[in-house]
């Protein structure tokens, strides 16, 4: 059985993957989150694609449907891709 571990960047204590609080320094651990700039970049790209679709199709309803379909599928893909990424937030 393969047990994944993660190492805290603040106290360097190794913990089992999946824990929500570091056992050494009590930092909060979040999994699967992406940085704000990456989310903003994805949102901008999806908005540009939506405007392009609106320009081509001249149908607002089609544009909204495609935009939300792209947004939902992109969110699901990113959550799966970043599922093992752990972000530590140190408590002061």
Protein backbone atom coordinates (compact mmCIF):
# COMPACT_ATOMS: atom_id res chain seq x y z
CA UNK A 1 0.00 0.00 0.00
CA UNK A 2 1.40 3.37 -1.07
CA UNK A 3 0.86 6.09 1.53
CA UNK A 4 1.38 9.58 0.16
CA UNK A 5 2.88 12.17 2.43
CA UNK A 6 3.21 15.93 2.20
CA UNK A 7 5.85 18.09 3.83
CA UNK A 8 4.97 21.39 5.49
CA UNK A 9 7.08 24.27 4.11
CA UNK A 10 6.99 26.03 7.50
CA UNK A 11 7.98 23.32 10.01
CA UNK A 12 9.11 20.59 7.55
CA UNK A 13 6.95 17.97 9.29
CA UNK A 14 5.66 15.19 7.05
CA UNK A 15 1.97 14.39 7.27
CA UNK A 16 -0.33 11.96 5.50
CA UNK A 17 -1.85 13.35 2.29
CA UNK A 18 -5.42 14.39 3.01
CA UNK A 19 -5.01 15.95 6.44
CA UNK A 20 -6.44 19.46 6.74
CA UNK A 21 -4.13 20.79 9.49
CA UNK A 22 -0.38 20.29 9.82
CA UNK A 23 0.43 18.15 12.85
CA UNK A 24 3.59 20.15 13.52
CA UNK A 25 2.77 23.87 13.29
CA UNK A 26 -1.04 23.69 12.84
CA UNK A 27 -1.00 25.39 9.42
CA UNK A 28 -4.18 25.02 7.38
CA UNK A 29 -3.86 22.77 4.31
CA UNK A 30 -6.08 23.11 1.23
CA UNK A 31 -6.04 20.67 -1.67
CA UNK A 32 -6.80 21.30 -5.32
CA UNK A 33 -6.81 25.07 -5.23
CA UNK A 34 -5.25 27.18 -7.96
CA UNK A 35 -3.72 30.60 -7.68
CA UNK A 36 -5.82 33.70 -8.26
CA UNK A 37 -3.84 34.78 -11.34
CA UNK A 38 -4.38 31.37 -12.97
CA UNK A 39 -8.13 31.52 -12.32
CA UNK A 40 -8.23 35.07 -13.71
CA UNK A 41 -6.32 33.97 -16.81
CA UNK A 42 -8.72 31.06 -17.42
CA UNK A 43 -11.72 33.37 -16.93
CA UNK A 44 -10.27 35.88 -19.38
CA UNK A 45 -9.65 33.20 -21.99
CA UNK A 46 -13.19 31.84 -21.61
CA UNK A 47 -14.62 35.37 -21.96
CA UNK A 48 -12.62 35.99 -25.15
CA UNK A 49 -13.84 32.67 -26.55
CA UNK A 50 -17.42 33.63 -25.67
CA UNK A 51 -17.10 36.98 -27.47
CA UNK A 52 -15.62 35.21 -30.48
CA UNK A 53 -18.54 32.76 -30.53
CA UNK A 54 -20.98 35.66 -30.20
CA UNK A 55 -19.28 37.43 -33.12
CA UNK A 56 -19.49 34.34 -35.32
CA UNK A 57 -22.94 33.04 -34.37
CA UNK A 58 -24.77 36.30 -33.57
CA UNK A 59 -26.76 34.27 -31.00
CA UNK A 60 -26.57 35.43 -27.40
CA UNK A 61 -28.31 32.32 -26.06
CA UNK A 62 -25.88 29.99 -27.84
CA UNK A 63 -22.96 32.03 -26.50
CA UNK A 64 -24.21 31.83 -22.91
CA UNK A 65 -24.80 28.07 -23.16
CA UNK A 66 -21.36 27.42 -24.65
CA UNK A 67 -19.69 29.75 -22.13
CA UNK A 68 -21.20 27.94 -19.14
CA UNK A 69 -20.49 24.52 -20.66
CA UNK A 70 -16.85 25.52 -21.16
CA UNK A 71 -16.64 27.02 -17.66
CA UNK A 72 -18.04 23.90 -15.99
CA UNK A 73 -15.90 21.47 -17.98
CA UNK A 74 -12.77 23.59 -17.43
CA UNK A 75 -13.47 23.72 -13.68
CA UNK A 76 -13.87 19.94 -13.51
CA UNK A 77 -10.67 19.40 -15.50
CA UNK A 78 -8.67 21.82 -13.34
CA UNK A 79 -9.98 20.30 -10.10
CA UNK A 80 -8.88 16.86 -11.32
CA UNK A 81 -5.51 18.14 -12.55
CA UNK A 82 -4.69 19.99 -9.29
CA UNK A 83 -6.23 17.43 -6.88
CA UNK A 84 -2.86 16.52 -5.34
CA UNK A 85 -1.64 20.10 -4.96
CA UNK A 86 -1.46 21.13 -1.31
CA UNK A 87 -1.42 24.78 -0.23
CA UNK A 88 -0.28 25.55 3.30
CA UNK A 89 -1.47 28.69 5.10
CA UNK A 90 0.49 29.49 8.26
CA UNK A 91 -1.46 30.65 11.28
CA UNK A 92 0.13 33.63 13.05
